[in-house]
All heavy atoms as atom14 arrays in JSON, in Angstrom:
{
  "sequence": "AGAVISMRRDLGDLGATHPSPAAAAAPAVWDTTADP",
  "atom14_mask": [
    [1, 1, 1, 1, 1, 0, 0, 0, 0, 0, 0, 0, 0, 0],
    [1, 1, 1, 1, 0, 0, 0, 0, 0, 0, 0, 0, 0, 0],
    [1, 1, 1, 1, 1, 0, 0, 0, 0, 0, 0, 0, 0, 0],
    [1, 1, 1, 1, 1, 1, 1, 0, 0, 0, 0, 0, 0, 0],
    [1, 1, 1, 1, 1, 1, 1, 1, 0, 0, 0, 0, 0, 0],
    [1, 1, 1, 1, 1, 1, 0, 0, 0, 0, 0, 0, 0, 0],
    [1, 1, 1, 1, 1, 1, 1, 1, 0, 0, 0, 0, 0, 0],
    [1, 1, 1, 1, 1, 1, 1, 1, 1, 1, 1, 0, 0, 0],
    [1, 1, 1, 1, 1, 1, 1, 1, 1, 1, 1, 0, 0, 0],
    [1, 1, 1, 1, 1, 1, 1, 1, 0, 0, 0, 0, 0, 0],
    [1, 1, 1, 1, 1, 1, 1, 1, 0, 0, 0, 0, 0, 0],
    [1, 1, 1, 1, 0, 0, 0, 0, 0, 0, 0, 0, 0, 0],
    [1, 1, 1, 1, 1, 1, 1, 1, 0, 0, 0, 0, 0, 0],
    [1, 1, 1, 1, 1, 1, 1, 1, 0, 0, 0, 0, 0, 0],
    [1, 1, 1, 1, 0, 0, 0, 0, 0, 0, 0, 0, 0, 0],
    [1, 1, 1, 1, 1, 0, 0, 0, 0, 0, 0, 0, 0, 0],
    [1, 1, 1, 1, 1, 1, 1, 0, 0, 0, 0, 0, 0, 0],
    [1, 1, 1, 1, 1, 1, 1, 1, 1, 1, 0, 0, 0, 0],
    [1, 1, 1, 1, 1, 1, 1, 0, 0, 0, 0, 0, 0, 0],
    [1, 1, 1, 1, 1, 1, 0, 0, 0, 0, 0, 0, 0, 0],
    [1, 1, 1, 1, 1, 1, 1, 0, 0, 0, 0, 0, 0, 0],
    [1, 1, 1, 1, 1, 0, 0, 0, 0, 0, 0, 0, 0, 0],
    [1, 1, 1, 1, 1, 0, 0, 0, 0, 0, 0, 0, 0, 0],
    [1, 1, 1, 1, 1, 0, 0, 0, 0, 0, 0, 0, 0, 0],
    [1, 1, 1, 1, 1, 0, 0, 0, 0, 0, 0, 0, 0, 0],
    [1, 1, 1, 1, 1, 0, 0, 0, 0, 0, 0, 0, 0, 0],
    [1, 1, 1, 1, 1, 1, 1, 0, 0, 0, 0, 0, 0, 0],
    [1, 1, 1, 1, 1, 0, 0, 0, 0, 0, 0, 0, 0, 0],
    [1, 1, 1, 1, 1, 1, 1, 0, 0, 0, 0, 0, 0, 0],
    [1, 1, 1, 1, 1, 1, 1, 1, 1, 1, 1, 1, 1, 1],
    [1, 1, 1, 1, 1, 1, 1, 1, 0, 0, 0, 0, 0, 0],
    [1, 1, 1, 1, 1, 1, 1, 0, 0, 0, 0, 0, 0, 0],
    [1, 1, 1, 1, 1, 1, 1, 0, 0, 0, 0, 0, 0, 0],
    [1, 1, 1, 1, 1, 0, 0, 0, 0, 0, 0, 0, 0, 0],
    [1, 1, 1, 1, 1, 1, 1, 1, 0, 0, 0, 0, 0, 0],
    [1, 1, 1, 1, 1, 1, 1, 0, 0, 0, 0, 0, 0, 0]
  ],
  "atom14_positions": [
    [[-18.2, 8.37, -1.87], [-16.73, 8.04, -1.87], [-16.51, 6.56, -1.76], [-15.62, 6.06, -2.44], [-16.04, 8.83, -0.82], [0.0, 0.0, 0.0], [0.0, 0.0, 0.0], [0.0, 0.0, 0.0], [0.0, 0.0, 0.0], [0.0, 0.0, 0.0], [0.0, 0.0, 0.0], [0.0, 0.0, 0.0], [0.0, 0.0, 0.0], [0.0, 0.0, 0.0]],
    [[-17.24, 6.02, -0.94], [-17.03, 4.57, -0.63], [-17.43, 3.71, -1.76], [-16.57, 2.82, -2.25], [0.0, 0.0, 0.0], [0.0, 0.0, 0.0], [0.0, 0.0, 0.0], [0.0, 0.0, 0.0], [0.0, 0.0, 0.0], [0.0, 0.0, 0.0], [0.0, 0.0, 0.0], [0.0, 0.0, 0.0], [0.0, 0.0, 0.0], [0.0, 0.0, 0.0]],
    [[-18.36, 4.19, -2.6], [-18.7, 3.38, -3.86], [-17.56, 3.55, -4.85], [-17.04, 2.49, -5.52], [-20.03, 3.93, -4.43], [0.0, 0.0, 0.0], [0.0, 0.0, 0.0], [0.0, 0.0, 0.0], [0.0, 0.0, 0.0], [0.0, 0.0, 0.0], [0.0, 0.0, 0.0], [0.0, 0.0, 0.0], [0.0, 0.0, 0.0], [0.0, 0.0, 0.0]],
    [[-16.99, 4.73, -5.09], [-15.92, 4.94, -6.05], [-14.74, 4.21, -5.49], [-14.02, 3.54, -6.26], [-15.6, 6.52, -6.14], [-14.48, 6.71, -6.96], [-16.85, 7.13, -6.75], [0.0, 0.0, 0.0], [0.0, 0.0, 0.0], [0.0, 0.0, 0.0], [0.0, 0.0, 0.0], [0.0, 0.0, 0.0], [0.0, 0.0, 0.0], [0.0, 0.0, 0.0]],
    [[-14.26, 4.38, -4.32], [-13.18, 3.82, -3.8], [-13.28, 2.22, -3.88], [-12.29, 1.5, -4.28], [-12.78, 4.29, -2.43], [-12.34, 5.65, -2.48], [-11.62, 3.45, -1.77], [-12.43, 6.41, -1.03], [0.0, 0.0, 0.0], [0.0, 0.0, 0.0], [0.0, 0.0, 0.0], [0.0, 0.0, 0.0], [0.0, 0.0, 0.0], [0.0, 0.0, 0.0]],
    [[-14.31, 1.78, -3.46], [-14.54, 0.28, -3.37], [-14.55, -0.21, -4.79], [-13.82, -1.34, -5.05], [-15.91, -0.06, -2.77], [-16.22, -1.37, -2.77], [0.0, 0.0, 0.0], [0.0, 0.0, 0.0], [0.0, 0.0, 0.0], [0.0, 0.0, 0.0], [0.0, 0.0, 0.0], [0.0, 0.0, 0.0], [0.0, 0.0, 0.0], [0.0, 0.0, 0.0]],
    [[-15.08, 0.4, -5.81], [-15.04, -0.21, -7.0], [-13.68, 0.0, -7.67], [-13.14, -0.95, -8.55], [-16.09, 0.61, -8.09], [-17.45, 0.2, -7.68], [-18.61, 1.28, -8.6], [-20.22, 0.97, -7.73], [0.0, 0.0, 0.0], [0.0, 0.0, 0.0], [0.0, 0.0, 0.0], [0.0, 0.0, 0.0], [0.0, 0.0, 0.0], [0.0, 0.0, 0.0]],
    [[-12.92, 1.04, -7.46], [-11.54, 1.14, -7.89], [-10.63, 0.12, -7.3], [-9.86, -0.51, -7.93], [-11.0, 2.57, -7.65], [-11.56, 3.58, -8.51], [-10.95, 4.97, -8.54], [-9.66, 4.7, -9.05], [-8.55, 5.61, -8.65], [-8.92, 6.74, -8.0], [-7.44, 5.54, -9.22], [0.0, 0.0, 0.0], [0.0, 0.0, 0.0], [0.0, 0.0, 0.0]],
    [[-10.95, -0.29, -5.95], [-10.15, -1.24, -5.23], [-10.43, -2.59, -5.96], [-9.46, -3.46, -6.2], [-10.69, -1.25, -3.85], [-10.09, -2.45, -2.89], [-10.83, -2.76, -1.86], [-12.04, -3.06, -2.09], [-13.16, -3.0, -1.24], [-13.06, -2.38, -0.18], [-14.32, -3.31, -1.72], [0.0, 0.0, 0.0], [0.0, 0.0, 0.0], [0.0, 0.0, 0.0]],
    [[-11.71, -2.85, -6.32], [-12.08, -4.14, -6.93], [-11.46, -4.39, -8.21], [-11.09, -5.38, -8.73], [-13.62, -4.28, -6.96], [-14.27, -4.45, -5.62], [-13.47, -4.64, -4.61], [-15.46, -4.3, -5.59], [0.0, 0.0, 0.0], [0.0, 0.0, 0.0], [0.0, 0.0, 0.0], [0.0, 0.0, 0.0], [0.0, 0.0, 0.0], [0.0, 0.0, 0.0]],
    [[-11.19, -3.09, -9.01], [-10.56, -3.11, -10.25], [-9.07, -3.22, -10.17], [-8.4, -3.27, -11.14], [-11.03, -1.99, -10.97], [-12.39, -1.93, -11.52], [-12.72, -0.61, -12.13], [-12.75, -3.01, -12.4], [0.0, 0.0, 0.0], [0.0, 0.0, 0.0], [0.0, 0.0, 0.0], [0.0, 0.0, 0.0], [0.0, 0.0, 0.0], [0.0, 0.0, 0.0]],
    [[-8.58, -3.15, -8.88], [-7.13, -3.1, -8.78], [-6.41, -1.84, -9.18], [-5.26, -1.72, -9.62], [0.0, 0.0, 0.0], [0.0, 0.0, 0.0], [0.0, 0.0, 0.0], [0.0, 0.0, 0.0], [0.0, 0.0, 0.0], [0.0, 0.0, 0.0], [0.0, 0.0, 0.0], [0.0, 0.0, 0.0], [0.0, 0.0, 0.0], [0.0, 0.0, 0.0]],
    [[-7.28, -0.72, -9.06], [-6.86, 0.61, -9.7], [-6.33, 1.48, -8.7], [-6.45, 2.82, -8.94], [-8.03, 1.15, -10.38], [-7.68, 2.22, -11.28], [-6.63, 2.41, -11.78], [-8.63, 3.15, -11.64], [0.0, 0.0, 0.0], [0.0, 0.0, 0.0], [0.0, 0.0, 0.0], [0.0, 0.0, 0.0], [0.0, 0.0, 0.0], [0.0, 0.0, 0.0]],
    [[-6.12, 1.14, -7.4], [-5.79, 2.2, -6.43], [-4.19, 2.26, -6.24], [-3.74, 3.41, -5.8], [-6.27, 1.79, -5.03], [-7.91, 1.94, -4.92], [-8.42, 1.49, -3.57], [-8.25, 3.31, -5.2], [0.0, 0.0, 0.0], [0.0, 0.0, 0.0], [0.0, 0.0, 0.0], [0.0, 0.0, 0.0], [0.0, 0.0, 0.0], [0.0, 0.0, 0.0]],
    [[-3.54, 1.49, -6.6], [-2.08, 1.61, -6.61], [-1.52, 1.61, -5.07], [-2.31, 1.19, -4.11], [0.0, 0.0, 0.0], [0.0, 0.0, 0.0], [0.0, 0.0, 0.0], [0.0, 0.0, 0.0], [0.0, 0.0, 0.0], [0.0, 0.0, 0.0], [0.0, 0.0, 0.0], [0.0, 0.0, 0.0], [0.0, 0.0, 0.0], [0.0, 0.0, 0.0]],
    [[-0.41, 2.1, -4.91], [0.08, 2.24, -3.57], [-0.33, 3.66, -2.92], [0.54, 4.64, -2.84], [1.54, 2.1, -3.65], [0.0, 0.0, 0.0], [0.0, 0.0, 0.0], [0.0, 0.0, 0.0], [0.0, 0.0, 0.0], [0.0, 0.0, 0.0], [0.0, 0.0, 0.0], [0.0, 0.0, 0.0], [0.0, 0.0, 0.0], [0.0, 0.0, 0.0]],
    [[-1.59, 3.68, -2.64], [-2.09, 5.05, -2.03], [-1.92, 4.98, -0.53], [-2.03, 3.93, 0.12], [-3.51, 5.31, -2.51], [-4.31, 4.19, -2.12], [-3.57, 5.36, -4.01], [0.0, 0.0, 0.0], [0.0, 0.0, 0.0], [0.0, 0.0, 0.0], [0.0, 0.0, 0.0], [0.0, 0.0, 0.0], [0.0, 0.0, 0.0], [0.0, 0.0, 0.0]],
    [[-2.09, 6.16, 0.0], [-2.23, 6.21, 1.49], [-3.29, 7.1, 1.77], [-3.13, 8.41, 2.03], [-0.81, 6.8, 2.05], [0.43, 6.03, 1.65], [0.64, 4.84, 2.21], [1.3, 6.13, 0.78], [1.74, 4.25, 1.81], [2.15, 5.04, 0.83], [0.0, 0.0, 0.0], [0.0, 0.0, 0.0], [0.0, 0.0, 0.0], [0.0, 0.0, 0.0]],
    [[-4.55, 6.67, 1.95], [-5.74, 7.48, 1.99], [-5.82, 8.04, 3.42], [-5.3, 7.51, 4.29], [-6.81, 6.42, 1.68], [-6.35, 5.02, 2.23], [-4.86, 5.15, 1.74], [0.0, 0.0, 0.0], [0.0, 0.0, 0.0], [0.0, 0.0, 0.0], [0.0, 0.0, 0.0], [0.0, 0.0, 0.0], [0.0, 0.0, 0.0], [0.0, 0.0, 0.0]],
    [[-6.53, 9.15, 3.46], [-7.01, 9.74, 4.72], [-7.75, 8.72, 5.58], [-8.37, 7.8, 4.96], [-7.7, 11.07, 4.54], [-8.94, 10.63, 4.06], [0.0, 0.0, 0.0], [0.0, 0.0, 0.0], [0.0, 0.0, 0.0], [0.0, 0.0, 0.0], [0.0, 0.0, 0.0], [0.0, 0.0, 0.0], [0.0, 0.0, 0.0], [0.0, 0.0, 0.0]],
    [[-7.94, 8.88, 6.87], [-8.71, 8.05, 7.61], [-10.05, 7.98, 7.08], [-10.92, 6.86, 7.05], [-8.75, 8.62, 8.99], [-7.33, 9.24, 9.12], [-7.16, 9.82, 7.75], [0.0, 0.0, 0.0], [0.0, 0.0, 0.0], [0.0, 0.0, 0.0], [0.0, 0.0, 0.0], [0.0, 0.0, 0.0], [0.0, 0.0, 0.0], [0.0, 0.0, 0.0]],
    [[-10.71, 9.14, 6.64], [-12.08, 9.18, 6.08], [-12.21, 8.35, 4.73], [-13.11, 7.63, 4.67], [-12.6, 10.6, 5.94], [0.0, 0.0, 0.0], [0.0, 0.0, 0.0], [0.0, 0.0, 0.0], [0.0, 0.0, 0.0], [0.0, 0.0, 0.0], [0.0, 0.0, 0.0], [0.0, 0.0, 0.0], [0.0, 0.0, 0.0], [0.0, 0.0, 0.0]],
    [[-11.13, 8.5, 3.95], [-11.18, 7.82, 2.62], [-11.06, 6.35, 2.93], [-11.51, 5.41, 2.22], [-10.21, 8.32, 1.73], [0.0, 0.0, 0.0], [0.0, 0.0, 0.0], [0.0, 0.0, 0.0], [0.0, 0.0, 0.0], [0.0, 0.0, 0.0], [0.0, 0.0, 0.0], [0.0, 0.0, 0.0], [0.0, 0.0, 0.0], [0.0, 0.0, 0.0]],
    [[-10.25, 5.9, 3.92], [-9.98, 4.41, 4.32], [-11.24, 3.89, 4.79], [-11.62, 2.73, 4.6], [-8.91, 4.37, 5.11], [0.0, 0.0, 0.0], [0.0, 0.0, 0.0], [0.0, 0.0, 0.0], [0.0, 0.0, 0.0], [0.0, 0.0, 0.0], [0.0, 0.0, 0.0], [0.0, 0.0, 0.0], [0.0, 0.0, 0.0], [0.0, 0.0, 0.0]],
    [[-12.08, 4.69, 5.55], [-13.32, 4.22, 6.09], [-14.52, 4.05, 5.15], [-15.38, 3.28, 5.3], [-13.77, 5.05, 7.4], [0.0, 0.0, 0.0], [0.0, 0.0, 0.0], [0.0, 0.0, 0.0], [0.0, 0.0, 0.0], [0.0, 0.0, 0.0], [0.0, 0.0, 0.0], [0.0, 0.0, 0.0], [0.0, 0.0, 0.0], [0.0, 0.0, 0.0]],
    [[-14.47, 4.94, 4.18], [-15.56, 5.04, 3.11], [-15.9, 3.7, 2.45], [-17.22, 3.42, 2.42], [-15.27, 6.09, 2.17], [0.0, 0.0, 0.0], [0.0, 0.0, 0.0], [0.0, 0.0, 0.0], [0.0, 0.0, 0.0], [0.0, 0.0, 0.0], [0.0, 0.0, 0.0], [0.0, 0.0, 0.0], [0.0, 0.0, 0.0], [0.0, 0.0, 0.0]],
    [[-15.03, 2.96, 2.1], [-15.39, 1.73, 1.42], [-16.2, 0.65, 2.33], [-16.95, 0.04, 1.96], [-14.13, 1.05, 0.97], [-13.05, 2.28, 0.89], [-13.53, 3.22, 1.9], [0.0, 0.0, 0.0], [0.0, 0.0, 0.0], [0.0, 0.0, 0.0], [0.0, 0.0, 0.0], [0.0, 0.0, 0.0], [0.0, 0.0, 0.0], [0.0, 0.0, 0.0]],
    [[-15.75, 0.68, 3.65], [-16.46, -0.17, 4.68], [-17.76, 0.32, 4.79], [-18.79, -0.46, 4.94], [-15.72, -0.04, 6.06], [0.0, 0.0, 0.0], [0.0, 0.0, 0.0], [0.0, 0.0, 0.0], [0.0, 0.0, 0.0], [0.0, 0.0, 0.0], [0.0, 0.0, 0.0], [0.0, 0.0, 0.0], [0.0, 0.0, 0.0], [0.0, 0.0, 0.0]],
    [[-18.11, 1.69, 4.82], [-19.41, 2.17, 4.89], [-20.22, 1.68, 3.7], [-21.42, 1.07, 3.74], [-19.52, 3.76, 5.01], [-20.86, 4.24, 4.81], [-18.89, 4.21, 6.27], [0.0, 0.0, 0.0], [0.0, 0.0, 0.0], [0.0, 0.0, 0.0], [0.0, 0.0, 0.0], [0.0, 0.0, 0.0], [0.0, 0.0, 0.0], [0.0, 0.0, 0.0]],
    [[-19.69, 1.83, 2.52], [-20.32, 1.3, 1.11], [-20.62, -0.18, 1.19], [-21.74, -0.64, 0.98], [-19.64, 1.69, 0.05], [-19.96, 1.11, -1.26], [-19.52, 0.11, -1.99], [-21.33, 1.55, -1.98], [-20.36, -0.18, -3.05], [-21.43, 0.74, -3.1], [-22.28, 2.51, -1.73], [-22.39, 0.83, -3.82], [-23.22, 2.61, -2.63], [-23.39, 1.79, -3.74]],
    [[-19.59, -0.9, 1.56], [-19.61, -2.38, 1.5], [-20.66, -2.94, 2.43], [-21.05, -4.1, 2.22], [-18.19, -3.01, 1.76], [-17.22, -2.68, 0.64], [-17.77, -2.4, -0.45], [-16.02, -2.91, 0.94], [0.0, 0.0, 0.0], [0.0, 0.0, 0.0], [0.0, 0.0, 0.0], [0.0, 0.0, 0.0], [0.0, 0.0, 0.0], [0.0, 0.0, 0.0]],
    [[-20.93, -2.26, 3.5], [-21.84, -2.88, 4.54], [-23.23, -2.21, 4.43], [-24.12, -2.49, 5.35], [-21.29, -2.6, 5.93], [-21.07, -1.19, 6.19], [-20.06, -3.4, 6.13], [0.0, 0.0, 0.0], [0.0, 0.0, 0.0], [0.0, 0.0, 0.0], [0.0, 0.0, 0.0], [0.0, 0.0, 0.0], [0.0, 0.0, 0.0], [0.0, 0.0, 0.0]],
    [[-23.48, -1.42, 3.41], [-24.75, -0.83, 3.32], [-25.61, -1.64, 2.34], [-25.23, -1.57, 0.95], [-24.72, 0.83, 2.79], [-23.93, 1.36, 3.86], [-26.04, 1.37, 2.59], [0.0, 0.0, 0.0], [0.0, 0.0, 0.0], [0.0, 0.0, 0.0], [0.0, 0.0, 0.0], [0.0, 0.0, 0.0], [0.0, 0.0, 0.0], [0.0, 0.0, 0.0]],
    [[-26.49, -2.33, 2.65], [-27.3, -3.15, 1.8], [-28.18, -2.53, 0.8], [-28.47, -2.77, -0.41], [-28.25, -4.19, 2.61], [0.0, 0.0, 0.0], [0.0, 0.0, 0.0], [0.0, 0.0, 0.0], [0.0, 0.0, 0.0], [0.0, 0.0, 0.0], [0.0, 0.0, 0.0], [0.0, 0.0, 0.0], [0.0, 0.0, 0.0], [0.0, 0.0, 0.0]],
    [[-28.83, -1.27, 1.28], [-29.75, -0.59, 0.36], [-29.29, 0.95, 0.47], [-30.0, 1.72, 1.18], [-31.19, -0.79, 0.96], [-32.24, -0.28, 0.08], [-31.89, 0.41, -1.0], [-33.34, -0.28, 0.42], [0.0, 0.0, 0.0], [0.0, 0.0, 0.0], [0.0, 0.0, 0.0], [0.0, 0.0, 0.0], [0.0, 0.0, 0.0], [0.0, 0.0, 0.0]],
    [[-28.47, 1.35, -0.4], [-28.02, 2.7, -0.31], [-29.01, 3.73, -0.7], [-29.06, 4.77, -0.06], [-26.86, 2.75, -1.45], [-26.48, 1.48, -1.66], [-27.65, 0.53, -1.22], [0.0, 0.0, 0.0], [0.0, 0.0, 0.0], [0.0, 0.0, 0.0], [0.0, 0.0, 0.0], [0.0, 0.0, 0.0], [0.0, 0.0, 0.0], [0.0, 0.0, 0.0]]
  ]
}
């Protein structure tokens, strides 16, 4: 989920969303994982 949300965020494709706490945390997990 973090990979998908992070890439969509980077493309500016999320719009005005209000993600759940888990969805909001997922990009941070992805962005800080050096070797998935």
